[in-house]
Amino acid sequence: MLDSLARAAIALMSPAGSAGRLSVLVFHRVLAESDPLLPDEPSAAEFEQLMAWVKRTFRVIPLEEGVAGLKSGRLPARALCITFDDGYENNASVAAPILARLGLHATFFIATGYLDGGRMFNDSVVEAVRGVRENELDLRPLGLYVYRTSSISERVAAIGQILAAIKYKKPTERVELTERIAEVVAVDLPTKLMMTSAQAAKLVRMGFALGSHTDTHPILARLAADGAKLEIEVGKRRVEELAGGRVSLFAYPNGYPDRDYSAATVELVRGAGFDAAVSASPGAARIGCDPYQIPRFTPWERRPTKFTARMLVYLASVAPTYAHA
């Protein structure tokens, strides 16, 4: 009963044809087991349950097909795409087998500089805070603050505060700072959090698609034009080597208009030869929208009823874009 009501409501808001809407989900990690320091990341069991419900409720299509439908005005009813950002190892070992078993397509946007043993700066912070053995972490010598770590909730809060303080620094500064945090804590940081090149290439053989997410995941709006251009072009070339052919889709790192990418960034992506790009503006894409600013959102809700309500809100909304693109 719930499934049929959800399908009917979503079909009303996301019909076929020129009034269609395209919903695009974005995930980062799918964990084998829940991790209290990553409370927003689904476990394998939670992800499979959600994807089974998505399959019953939506028409899941490849993102390339969704882009073509937005341009032509011929989207199917209840159209939805599934995407992943960054290139975490558990995308290949945990999420992909679940999707394959359910017969669902997904596009994996890879930050190529972290393949084969690399580690993103945010994960360095998570693992450093995980390794703290005291009730507080004093990072004042690094220009940060003192963070309470006596409970899981305090550690989660500390991770968020530290990331907010360093996210918009230059990529080299971020790396240096997170490595120094690990030195303060005296922990060895993991080197197997991201996919190998072989795992990324295998996703293509399994029928999934790869997209580009730059090389080192910088905030593109904070880079000079030549630096942003290089990040976009290097990432595209390396992903195409893994895919064995042309890659047409791009995801902006972090992905919020004005703050993380600009009109100039959009033009760089267009000029690099991509057909479309996805942002992190929550909402659903409408026929005729800018194909280089397709909105996406993360399904935080785990229960189908709440997730349906959130989907209906986004289907009715117009996602923010870069105002002058």
Protein backbone atom coordinates (compact mmCIF):
# COMPACT_ATOMS: atom_id res chain seq x y z
CA MET A 1 0.00 0.00 0.00
CA LEU A 2 2.76 2.43 0.98
CA ASP A 3 4.74 1.65 -2.19
CA SER A 4 1.76 2.26 -4.47
CA LEU A 5 0.90 5.53 -2.74
CA ALA A 6 4.53 6.68 -2.95
CA ARG A 7 4.72 5.81 -6.66
CA ALA A 8 1.47 7.66 -7.35
CA ALA A 9 2.56 10.78 -5.47
CA ILE A 10 6.00 10.84 -7.09
CA ALA A 11 4.55 10.17 -10.56
CA LEU A 12 2.26 13.18 -10.08
CA MET A 13 5.26 15.40 -9.28
CA SER A 14 7.62 13.72 -11.76
CA PRO A 15 5.58 12.83 -14.86
CA ALA A 16 6.89 11.68 -18.22
CA GLY A 17 7.63 14.16 -20.96
CA SER A 18 8.13 17.91 -20.94
CA ALA A 19 6.91 18.40 -17.35
CA GLY A 20 9.32 15.75 -16.10
CA ARG A 21 11.74 15.98 -13.19
CA LEU A 22 15.01 14.15 -12.67
CA SER A 23 16.00 13.21 -9.11
CA VAL A 24 19.71 12.50 -8.59
CA LEU A 25 20.94 10.87 -5.38
CA VAL A 26 24.53 11.27 -4.21
CA PHE A 27 26.36 9.01 -1.77
CA HIS A 28 29.96 9.00 -0.62
CA ARG A 29 30.53 5.85 1.44
CA VAL A 30 28.51 2.70 2.02
CA LEU A 31 29.96 1.03 5.11
CA ALA A 32 30.12 -2.70 5.70
CA GLU A 33 28.98 -1.93 9.25
CA SER A 34 27.76 1.29 10.85
CA ASP A 35 30.48 3.61 12.14
CA PRO A 36 29.55 5.92 15.04
CA LEU A 37 32.04 8.53 13.80
CA LEU A 38 30.32 8.56 10.38
CA PRO A 39 26.66 8.67 11.44
CA ASP A 40 25.39 9.99 8.10
CA GLU A 41 26.91 7.16 6.06
CA PRO A 42 24.64 4.14 5.50
CA SER A 43 25.61 0.62 6.39
CA ALA A 44 25.36 -2.09 3.75
CA ALA A 45 22.07 -3.30 5.23
CA GLU A 46 20.59 0.22 5.31
CA PHE A 47 21.77 0.93 1.77
CA GLU A 48 20.30 -2.29 0.40
CA GLN A 49 16.98 -1.61 2.07
CA LEU A 50 16.87 1.92 0.66
CA MET A 51 17.90 0.82 -2.83
CA ALA A 52 15.25 -1.92 -2.85
CA TRP A 53 12.64 0.71 -2.03
CA VAL A 54 14.06 3.08 -4.69
CA LYS A 55 13.77 0.29 -7.24
CA ARG A 56 10.11 -0.28 -6.36
CA THR A 57 9.25 3.41 -6.37
CA PHE A 58 11.32 5.06 -9.12
CA ARG A 59 12.49 4.42 -12.65
CA VAL A 60 16.27 4.26 -12.14
CA ILE A 61 18.16 5.27 -15.27
CA PRO A 62 21.84 5.98 -16.10
CA LEU A 63 22.81 9.60 -15.53
CA GLU A 64 23.81 9.97 -19.18
CA GLU A 65 20.27 8.94 -20.13
CA GLY A 66 18.87 11.41 -17.62
CA VAL A 67 20.97 14.22 -19.12
CA ALA A 68 19.71 13.33 -22.60
CA GLY A 69 16.13 13.37 -21.32
CA LEU A 70 16.57 16.80 -19.73
CA LYS A 71 17.82 18.14 -23.04
CA SER A 72 15.21 16.46 -25.24
CA GLY A 73 12.20 16.82 -22.94
CA ARG A 74 11.60 13.06 -22.95
CA LEU A 75 12.24 11.92 -19.40
CA PRO A 76 10.36 8.86 -18.16
CA ALA A 77 8.01 9.24 -15.22
CA ARG A 78 9.62 8.96 -11.76
CA ALA A 79 13.12 9.27 -13.26
CA LEU A 80 15.99 8.90 -10.80
CA CYS A 81 19.77 8.49 -11.04
CA ILE A 82 22.23 7.18 -8.45
CA THR A 83 25.70 8.68 -8.07
CA PHE A 84 28.73 8.39 -5.78
CA ASP A 85 31.48 10.93 -5.17
CA ASP A 86 35.19 10.65 -4.40
CA GLY A 87 36.05 7.01 -5.12
CA TYR A 88 35.93 5.20 -1.77
CA GLU A 89 36.96 1.57 -1.74
CA ASN A 90 33.65 0.55 -0.22
CA ASN A 91 31.89 1.88 -3.33
CA ALA A 92 33.48 -1.03 -5.19
CA SER A 93 33.45 -3.69 -2.48
CA VAL A 94 30.14 -2.94 -0.73
CA ALA A 95 27.85 -0.68 -2.78
CA ALA A 96 28.48 -1.99 -6.30
CA PRO A 97 27.61 -5.64 -5.51
CA ILE A 98 24.33 -4.51 -3.89
CA LEU A 99 23.44 -2.37 -6.90
CA ALA A 100 24.37 -5.16 -9.31
CA ARG A 101 22.21 -7.64 -7.39
CA LEU A 102 19.25 -5.25 -7.60
CA GLY A 103 19.91 -4.40 -11.24
CA LEU A 104 20.42 -0.68 -10.58
CA HIS A 105 22.78 1.59 -12.48
CA ALA A 106 25.07 4.16 -10.85
CA THR A 107 27.74 6.66 -11.85
CA PHE A 108 30.90 6.85 -9.74
CA PHE A 109 32.67 10.22 -9.76
CA ILE A 110 36.36 9.63 -9.05
CA ALA A 111 38.92 12.06 -7.59
CA THR A 112 41.79 10.34 -9.35
CA GLY A 113 44.64 11.67 -7.23
CA TYR A 114 43.57 9.51 -4.29
CA LEU A 115 43.37 6.15 -6.05
CA ASP A 116 45.87 3.40 -5.17
CA GLY A 117 46.64 4.26 -1.58
CA GLY A 118 45.76 7.94 -1.35
CA ARG A 119 43.65 9.47 1.37
CA MET A 120 41.35 12.50 1.34
CA PHE A 121 41.98 15.20 3.92
CA ASN A 122 38.61 14.70 5.61
CA ASP A 123 39.39 11.05 6.24
CA SER A 124 42.72 11.99 7.80
CA VAL A 125 40.79 14.12 10.29
CA VAL A 126 38.26 11.36 11.02
CA GLU A 127 40.96 8.77 11.63
CA ALA A 128 43.07 11.14 13.73
CA VAL A 129 40.12 11.95 15.99
CA ARG A 130 39.29 8.24 16.17
CA GLY A 131 42.78 7.62 17.53
CA VAL A 132 42.70 10.25 20.31
CA ARG A 133 43.28 8.55 23.66
CA GLU A 134 42.59 11.55 25.91
CA ASN A 135 39.42 13.50 26.71
CA GLU A 136 40.49 16.43 24.57
CA LEU A 137 42.54 17.21 21.49
CA ASP A 138 44.62 20.37 21.73
CA LEU A 139 45.35 21.74 18.26
CA ARG A 140 46.14 25.30 19.28
CA PRO A 141 49.78 24.94 18.15
CA LEU A 142 48.37 24.35 14.65
CA GLY A 143 46.20 27.46 14.71
CA LEU A 144 43.03 25.57 15.63
CA TYR A 145 41.32 25.01 19.00
CA VAL A 146 40.90 22.55 21.85
CA TYR A 147 38.29 19.90 21.06
CA ARG A 148 36.49 17.67 23.54
CA THR A 149 36.77 13.94 22.75
CA SER A 150 35.40 12.17 25.83
CA SER A 151 32.32 10.79 24.02
CA ILE A 152 31.29 9.73 20.54
CA SER A 153 29.08 12.80 20.16
CA GLU A 154 31.96 15.07 21.14
CA ARG A 155 34.26 13.35 18.65
CA VAL A 156 31.68 13.71 15.87
CA ALA A 157 31.35 17.40 16.73
CA ALA A 158 35.14 17.81 16.80
CA ILE A 159 35.46 16.24 13.34
CA GLY A 160 32.87 18.65 11.96
CA GLN A 161 34.51 21.68 13.55
CA ILE A 162 38.00 20.78 12.34
CA LEU A 163 36.80 20.08 8.80
CA ALA A 164 34.91 23.38 8.70
CA ALA A 165 38.10 25.18 9.72
CA ILE A 166 40.31 23.64 7.02
CA LYS A 167 38.03 22.71 4.10
CA TYR A 168 38.57 25.96 2.21
CA LYS A 169 42.33 26.11 2.57
CA LYS A 170 44.54 25.36 -0.42
CA PRO A 171 44.84 21.61 -1.15
CA THR A 172 48.51 21.50 -0.16
CA GLU A 173 47.78 23.35 3.10
CA ARG A 174 44.93 20.96 3.88
CA VAL A 175 47.14 17.92 3.44
CA GLU A 176 49.97 19.38 5.49
CA LEU A 177 47.64 20.40 8.30
CA THR A 178 45.88 17.03 8.50
CA GLU A 179 49.20 15.21 8.54
CA ARG A 180 50.33 17.40 11.43
CA ILE A 181 47.09 16.64 13.28
CA ALA A 182 47.86 12.93 12.91
CA GLU A 183 51.35 13.57 14.31
CA VAL A 184 49.86 15.31 17.35
CA VAL A 185 47.65 12.28 17.99
CA ALA A 186 50.47 9.86 17.09
CA VAL A 187 48.36 7.60 14.85
CA ASP A 188 49.19 5.80 11.65
CA LEU A 189 46.64 6.83 9.04
CA PRO A 190 45.06 4.15 6.81
CA THR A 191 46.04 3.80 3.15
CA LYS A 192 43.24 1.58 1.85
CA LEU A 193 40.20 3.83 2.12
CA MET A 194 40.05 4.66 -1.59
CA MET A 195 39.66 2.43 -4.64
CA THR A 196 42.53 1.00 -6.59
CA SER A 197 42.70 1.77 -10.30
CA ALA A 198 41.80 -1.87 -10.94
CA GLN A 199 38.63 -1.57 -8.85
CA ALA A 200 37.57 1.58 -10.69
CA ALA A 201 38.12 -0.08 -14.06
CA LYS A 202 36.16 -3.14 -12.91
CA LEU A 203 33.12 -0.97 -12.20
CA VAL A 204 32.96 -0.18 -15.91
CA ARG A 205 33.14 -3.86 -16.79
CA MET A 206 30.26 -4.45 -14.37
CA GLY A 207 28.13 -2.02 -16.39
CA PHE A 208 28.47 1.06 -14.21
CA ALA A 209 29.72 4.46 -15.38
CA LEU A 210 32.65 6.57 -14.22
CA GLY A 211 32.64 10.34 -14.04
CA SER A 212 35.32 12.88 -13.21
CA HIS A 213 35.62 14.64 -9.84
CA THR A 214 38.92 16.47 -10.55
CA ASP A 215 42.31 15.10 -9.56
CA THR A 216 42.78 16.26 -5.95
CA HIS A 217 39.27 17.52 -5.01
CA PRO A 218 40.06 21.23 -4.58
CA ILE A 219 37.47 23.96 -4.13
CA LEU A 220 37.57 25.10 -7.74
CA ALA A 221 36.21 28.59 -7.08
CA ARG A 222 39.24 29.24 -4.85
CA LEU A 223 41.79 28.35 -7.55
CA ALA A 224 43.23 30.57 -10.25
CA ALA A 225 41.83 29.79 -13.69
CA ASP A 226 44.89 27.86 -14.85
CA GLY A 227 44.93 25.74 -11.68
CA ALA A 228 41.23 24.92 -11.94
CA LYS A 229 41.61 24.09 -15.62
CA LEU A 230 44.48 21.71 -14.88
CA GLU A 231 42.55 19.93 -12.12
CA ILE A 232 39.56 19.44 -14.41
CA GLU A 233 41.59 18.26 -17.40
CA VAL A 234 43.92 15.93 -15.48
CA GLY A 235 40.99 14.31 -13.69
CA LYS A 236 39.15 13.80 -16.98
CA ARG A 237 42.15 12.26 -18.71
CA ARG A 238 42.86 9.83 -15.88
CA VAL A 239 39.24 8.72 -15.53
CA GLU A 240 39.07 8.14 -19.28
CA GLU A 241 42.12 5.91 -19.01
CA LEU A 242 40.30 3.85 -16.39
CA ALA A 243 37.03 3.80 -18.33
CA GLY A 244 38.70 2.92 -21.62
CA GLY A 245 36.86 5.66 -23.45
CA ARG A 246 35.35 9.12 -23.31
CA VAL A 247 33.92 10.33 -19.98
CA SER A 248 31.14 12.88 -20.37
CA LEU A 249 30.06 13.64 -16.79
CA PHE A 250 31.67 15.84 -14.12
CA ALA A 251 30.92 16.50 -10.43
CA TYR A 252 32.04 19.75 -8.76
CA PRO A 253 34.00 19.08 -5.54
CA ASN A 254 31.86 20.06 -2.57
CA GLY A 255 29.47 21.36 -5.20
CA TYR A 256 27.64 24.41 -3.88
CA PRO A 257 27.13 27.27 -6.37
CA ASP A 258 28.98 30.54 -5.72
CA ARG A 259 30.83 29.09 -2.71
CA ASP A 260 32.50 26.09 -4.39
CA TYR A 261 32.18 26.74 -8.12
CA SER A 262 31.50 29.82 -10.22
CA ALA A 263 30.35 30.80 -13.68
CA ALA A 264 33.99 30.64 -14.75
CA THR A 265 34.21 27.08 -13.39
CA VAL A 266 31.14 26.07 -15.39
CA GLU A 267 32.80 27.36 -18.55
CA LEU A 268 36.00 25.47 -17.79
CA VAL A 269 34.01 22.24 -17.40
CA ARG A 270 32.17 22.91 -20.65
CA GLY A 271 35.42 23.72 -22.40
CA ALA A 272 37.04 20.49 -21.17
CA GLY A 273 34.54 18.53 -23.26
CA PHE A 274 32.04 17.33 -20.67
CA ASP A 275 28.37 17.05 -21.66
CA ALA A 276 27.00 17.75 -18.18
CA ALA A 277 27.96 18.36 -14.56
CA VAL A 278 26.30 17.79 -11.21
CA SER A 279 26.31 20.08 -8.20
CA ALA A 280 25.31 19.70 -4.56
CA SER A 281 22.29 22.01 -4.75
CA PRO A 282 19.37 20.02 -3.33
CA GLY A 283 16.38 19.64 -5.58
CA ALA A 284 15.26 17.95 -8.77
CA ALA A 285 16.32 18.93 -12.28
CA ARG A 286 13.68 20.21 -14.69
CA ILE A 287 13.48 19.96 -18.44
CA GLY A 288 15.61 22.69 -20.00
CA CYS A 289 17.74 23.32 -16.90
CA ASP A 290 21.44 24.10 -17.21
CA PRO A 291 23.00 20.67 -17.88
CA TYR A 292 26.19 21.88 -16.20
CA GLN A 293 24.40 22.52 -12.90
CA ILE A 294 22.22 19.45 -12.33
CA PRO A 295 21.12 19.35 -8.66
CA ARG A 296 21.66 16.37 -6.38
CA PHE A 297 20.99 15.48 -2.78
CA THR A 298 21.92 12.85 -0.21
CA PRO A 299 19.02 10.75 1.16
CA TRP A 300 19.65 11.28 4.87
CA GLU A 301 16.34 9.70 5.87
CA ARG A 302 16.41 5.93 6.33
CA ARG A 303 12.66 5.31 6.53
CA PRO A 304 10.71 5.15 3.24
CA THR A 305 7.92 7.41 4.53
CA LYS A 306 10.30 10.21 5.48
CA PHE A 307 12.37 9.69 2.34
CA THR A 308 9.23 9.95 0.18
CA ALA A 309 8.30 13.20 1.90
CA ARG A 310 11.78 14.61 1.28
CA MET A 311 11.66 13.53 -2.37
CA LEU A 312 8.33 15.30 -2.87
CA VAL A 313 9.73 18.50 -1.35
CA TYR A 314 12.72 18.42 -3.70
CA LEU A 315 10.56 17.58 -6.72
CA ALA A 316 8.56 20.73 -6.02
CA SER A 317 11.57 22.97 -5.44
CA VAL A 318 13.92 24.82 -7.77
CA ALA A 319 17.53 24.14 -6.82
CA PRO A 320 19.92 27.11 -6.51
CA THR A 321 22.37 27.58 -9.39
CA TYR A 322 25.20 29.98 -10.07
CA ALA A 323 23.25 33.16 -10.70
CA HIS A 324 25.35 34.44 -13.60
CA ALA A 325 26.08 31.16 -15.43
